[in-house]
């Protein structure tokens, strides 16, 4: 299954799902320096260090300073990694409302991390964008 590429269908099928909890971004010098017991939503290696997106409680328990208290929203349409324009439309809709958006593309779905205190507003905007 390669996913949807048609922009109209992608936007109509966004079907945003708000996950429970609060997530934060942390950085570590490398993977070896990660405290035991972490189960990150995302791990990405950059030249400067490893970025993790973690539930707030895990970061706190490990003594890691987390930035950008976030809500995690999954866009449940199976989008192709080659799709063009969907994330631009999502980011534009959120930007117009002054909501910061950090996007992650995975194999089946795209995910956005938005300001935790504006999560429900963001979901509403995404539903509006999809025409629902």
C-alpha atoms as a PDB file:
ATOM      1  CA  UNK A   1       0.000   0.000   0.000  1.00  0.00           C
ATOM      2  CA  UNK A   2       1.621   3.225  -1.114  1.00  0.00           C
ATOM      3  CA  UNK A   3      -0.793   5.780   0.351  1.00  0.00           C
ATOM      4  CA  UNK A   4      -2.871   8.604  -1.040  1.00  0.00           C
ATOM      5  CA  UNK A   5      -1.337  11.329  -3.222  1.00  0.00           C
ATOM      6  CA  UNK A   6      -4.412  13.280  -4.364  1.00  0.00           C
ATOM      7  CA  UNK A   7      -4.441  16.541  -2.381  1.00  0.00           C
ATOM      8  CA  UNK A   8      -8.240  16.842  -2.343  1.00  0.00           C
ATOM      9  CA  UNK A   9      -8.639  13.330  -0.960  1.00  0.00           C
ATOM     10  CA  UNK A  10      -5.825  13.854   1.514  1.00  0.00           C
ATOM     11  CA  UNK A  11      -7.411  16.980   2.951  1.00  0.00           C
ATOM     12  CA  UNK A  12     -10.908  15.469   2.983  1.00  0.00           C
ATOM     13  CA  UNK A  13      -9.584  12.445   4.859  1.00  0.00           C
ATOM     14  CA  UNK A  14      -7.338  14.123   7.446  1.00  0.00           C
ATOM     15  CA  UNK A  15      -9.388  12.674  10.345  1.00  0.00           C
ATOM     16  CA  UNK A  16      -7.187  14.185  13.096  1.00  0.00           C
ATOM     17  CA  UNK A  17      -6.740  12.091  16.225  1.00  0.00           C
ATOM     18  CA  UNK A  18      -5.615  13.837  19.405  1.00  0.00           C
ATOM     19  CA  UNK A  19      -3.492  11.563  21.599  1.00  0.00           C
ATOM     20  CA  UNK A  20      -3.751  11.758  25.362  1.00  0.00           C
ATOM     21  CA  UNK A  21      -1.014  13.439  27.347  1.00  0.00           C
ATOM     22  CA  UNK A  22       1.654  16.060  26.938  1.00  0.00           C
ATOM     23  CA  UNK A  23       4.829  15.554  24.936  1.00  0.00           C
ATOM     24  CA  UNK A  24       8.139  17.407  24.993  1.00  0.00           C
ATOM     25  CA  UNK A  25      11.220  17.635  22.802  1.00  0.00           C
ATOM     26  CA  UNK A  26      14.568  16.788  24.399  1.00  0.00           C
ATOM     27  CA  UNK A  27      18.077  16.478  23.057  1.00  0.00           C
ATOM     28  CA  UNK A  28      20.898  14.131  24.014  1.00  0.00           C
ATOM     29  CA  UNK A  29      24.508  14.095  22.793  1.00  0.00           C
ATOM     30  CA  UNK A  30      23.976  10.602  21.309  1.00  0.00           C
ATOM     31  CA  UNK A  31      21.811   7.484  21.618  1.00  0.00           C
ATOM     32  CA  UNK A  32      24.173   5.940  24.167  1.00  0.00           C
ATOM     33  CA  UNK A  33      23.480   8.749  26.631  1.00  0.00           C
ATOM     34  CA  UNK A  34      19.737   8.023  26.809  1.00  0.00           C
ATOM     35  CA  UNK A  35      18.606   7.099  30.312  1.00  0.00           C
ATOM     36  CA  UNK A  36      17.107   3.596  30.570  1.00  0.00           C
ATOM     37  CA  UNK A  37      13.351   3.185  30.368  1.00  0.00           C
ATOM     38  CA  UNK A  38      12.608   5.837  27.759  1.00  0.00           C
ATOM     39  CA  UNK A  39      10.067   5.006  25.075  1.00  0.00           C
ATOM     40  CA  UNK A  40      10.202   7.976  22.673  1.00  0.00           C
ATOM     41  CA  UNK A  41       7.515   8.668  20.113  1.00  0.00           C
ATOM     42  CA  UNK A  42      10.323   9.832  17.843  1.00  0.00           C
ATOM     43  CA  UNK A  43      14.085   9.590  17.833  1.00  0.00           C
ATOM     44  CA  UNK A  44      16.087  11.469  15.223  1.00  0.00           C
ATOM     45  CA  UNK A  45      19.842  11.798  14.969  1.00  0.00           C
ATOM     46  CA  UNK A  46      21.159  15.225  13.946  1.00  0.00           C
ATOM     47  CA  UNK A  47      24.773  16.354  13.737  1.00  0.00           C
ATOM     48  CA  UNK A  48      24.376  18.203  17.052  1.00  0.00           C
ATOM     49  CA  UNK A  49      22.758  15.323  18.940  1.00  0.00           C
ATOM     50  CA  UNK A  50      19.760  13.020  19.163  1.00  0.00           C
ATOM     51  CA  UNK A  51      16.297  14.587  19.364  1.00  0.00           C
ATOM     52  CA  UNK A  52      13.614  12.666  21.238  1.00  0.00           C
ATOM     53  CA  UNK A  53       9.914  13.395  21.521  1.00  0.00           C
ATOM     54  CA  UNK A  54       8.774  11.939  24.819  1.00  0.00           C
ATOM     55  CA  UNK A  55       5.743  11.944  27.075  1.00  0.00           C
ATOM     56  CA  UNK A  56       6.325  14.713  29.618  1.00  0.00           C
ATOM     57  CA  UNK A  57       6.322  12.233  32.513  1.00  0.00           C
ATOM     58  CA  UNK A  58       9.158  10.180  31.019  1.00  0.00           C
ATOM     59  CA  UNK A  59      11.280  13.278  30.487  1.00  0.00           C
ATOM     60  CA  UNK A  60      10.603  14.481  34.023  1.00  0.00           C
ATOM     61  CA  UNK A  61      11.333  11.041  35.543  1.00  0.00           C
ATOM     62  CA  UNK A  62      14.652  10.895  33.648  1.00  0.00           C
ATOM     63  CA  UNK A  63      15.621  14.427  34.695  1.00  0.00           C
ATOM     64  CA  UNK A  64      15.595  15.668  31.098  1.00  0.00           C
ATOM     65  CA  UNK A  65      14.697  19.264  30.363  1.00  0.00           C
ATOM     66  CA  UNK A  66      11.930  19.195  27.790  1.00  0.00           C
ATOM     67  CA  UNK A  67      10.975  22.020  25.461  1.00  0.00           C
ATOM     68  CA  UNK A  68       7.730  22.866  23.654  1.00  0.00           C
ATOM     69  CA  UNK A  69       4.960  21.270  25.741  1.00  0.00           C
ATOM     70  CA  UNK A  70       3.003  19.645  22.931  1.00  0.00           C
ATOM     71  CA  UNK A  71      -0.091  17.791  21.975  1.00  0.00           C
ATOM     72  CA  UNK A  72       0.339  14.987  19.455  1.00  0.00           C
ATOM     73  CA  UNK A  73      -2.174  14.859  16.607  1.00  0.00           C
ATOM     74  CA  UNK A  74      -2.145  12.013  14.079  1.00  0.00           C
ATOM     75  CA  UNK A  75      -3.624  12.716  10.661  1.00  0.00           C
ATOM     76  CA  UNK A  76      -5.225   9.329  10.048  1.00  0.00           C
ATOM     77  CA  UNK A  77      -5.327   9.456   6.252  1.00  0.00           C
ATOM     78  CA  UNK A  78      -2.732   7.056   4.833  1.00  0.00           C
ATOM     79  CA  UNK A  79      -0.672   9.633   2.999  1.00  0.00           C
ATOM     80  CA  UNK A  80       2.014   8.735   0.522  1.00  0.00           C
ATOM     81  CA  UNK A  81       5.520   9.847   1.352  1.00  0.00           C
ATOM     82  CA  UNK A  82       5.458  11.363  -2.145  1.00  0.00           C
ATOM     83  CA  UNK A  83       2.276  13.389  -1.565  1.00  0.00           C
ATOM     84  CA  UNK A  84       2.571  17.099  -2.322  1.00  0.00           C
ATOM     85  CA  UNK A  85       0.835  19.911  -0.508  1.00  0.00           C
ATOM     86  CA  UNK A  86      -0.967  18.283   2.418  1.00  0.00           C
ATOM     87  CA  UNK A  87       1.449  19.368   5.132  1.00  0.00           C
ATOM     88  CA  UNK A  88       1.704  22.818   3.554  1.00  0.00           C
ATOM     89  CA  UNK A  89      -2.087  23.167   3.818  1.00  0.00           C
ATOM     90  CA  UNK A  90      -2.076  21.885   7.404  1.00  0.00           C
ATOM     91  CA  UNK A  91       0.772  24.177   8.459  1.00  0.00           C
ATOM     92  CA  UNK A  92      -0.852  27.170   6.738  1.00  0.00           C
ATOM     93  CA  UNK A  93      -4.202  26.606   8.475  1.00  0.00           C
ATOM     94  CA  UNK A  94      -2.501  26.349  11.859  1.00  0.00           C
ATOM     95  CA  UNK A  95      -0.187  29.302  11.171  1.00  0.00           C
ATOM     96  CA  UNK A  96      -3.153  31.540  10.313  1.00  0.00           C
ATOM     97  CA  UNK A  97      -4.443  30.847  13.826  1.00  0.00           C
ATOM     98  CA  UNK A  98      -1.014  31.462  15.373  1.00  0.00           C
ATOM     99  CA  UNK A  99      -0.538  27.806  16.317  1.00  0.00           C
ATOM    100  CA  UNK A 100       2.990  26.455  16.080  1.00  0.00           C
ATOM    101  CA  UNK A 101       3.225  23.141  14.260  1.00  0.00           C
ATOM    102  CA  UNK A 102       6.070  20.643  14.230  1.00  0.00           C
ATOM    103  CA  UNK A 103       5.385  17.945  11.646  1.00  0.00           C
ATOM    104  CA  UNK A 104       6.676  14.396  11.401  1.00  0.00           C
ATOM    105  CA  UNK A 105       6.087  12.138   8.412  1.00  0.00           C
ATOM    106  CA  UNK A 106       5.982   8.414   9.093  1.00  0.00           C
ATOM    107  CA  UNK A 107       5.292   5.491   6.761  1.00  0.00           C
ATOM    108  CA  UNK A 108       1.496   5.480   7.066  1.00  0.00           C
ATOM    109  CA  UNK A 109       0.556   8.824   8.565  1.00  0.00           C
ATOM    110  CA  UNK A 110       1.694  12.351   9.198  1.00  0.00           C
ATOM    111  CA  UNK A 111       1.772  13.670  12.734  1.00  0.00           C
ATOM    112  CA  UNK A 112       1.812  17.194  14.087  1.00  0.00           C
ATOM    113  CA  UNK A 113       2.897  18.438  17.475  1.00  0.00           C
ATOM    114  CA  UNK A 114       1.174  21.668  18.472  1.00  0.00           C
ATOM    115  CA  UNK A 115       1.116  23.843  21.574  1.00  0.00           C
ATOM    116  CA  UNK A 116      -0.496  21.698  24.266  1.00  0.00           C
ATOM    117  CA  UNK A 117      -2.836  24.429  25.460  1.00  0.00           C
ATOM    118  CA  UNK A 118      -4.224  24.896  21.925  1.00  0.00           C
ATOM    119  CA  UNK A 119      -4.682  21.229  21.017  1.00  0.00           C
ATOM    120  CA  UNK A 120      -8.471  21.190  20.774  1.00  0.00           C
ATOM    121  CA  UNK A 121      -8.449  24.380  18.723  1.00  0.00           C
ATOM    122  CA  UNK A 122      -5.902  22.805  16.362  1.00  0.00           C
ATOM    123  CA  UNK A 123      -8.044  19.678  15.945  1.00  0.00           C
ATOM    124  CA  UNK A 124     -11.047  21.875  15.164  1.00  0.00           C
ATOM    125  CA  UNK A 125      -9.098  23.782  12.525  1.00  0.00           C
ATOM    126  CA  UNK A 126      -7.947  20.530  10.940  1.00  0.00           C
ATOM    127  CA  UNK A 127     -11.503  19.216  10.874  1.00  0.00           C
ATOM    128  CA  UNK A 128     -12.589  22.475   9.230  1.00  0.00           C
ATOM    129  CA  UNK A 129      -9.803  22.062   6.673  1.00  0.00           C
ATOM    130  CA  UNK A 130     -11.100  18.599   5.838  1.00  0.00           C
ATOM    131  CA  UNK A 131     -14.668  19.871   5.468  1.00  0.00           C
ATOM    132  CA  UNK A 132     -15.966  17.849   8.433  1.00  0.00           C
END
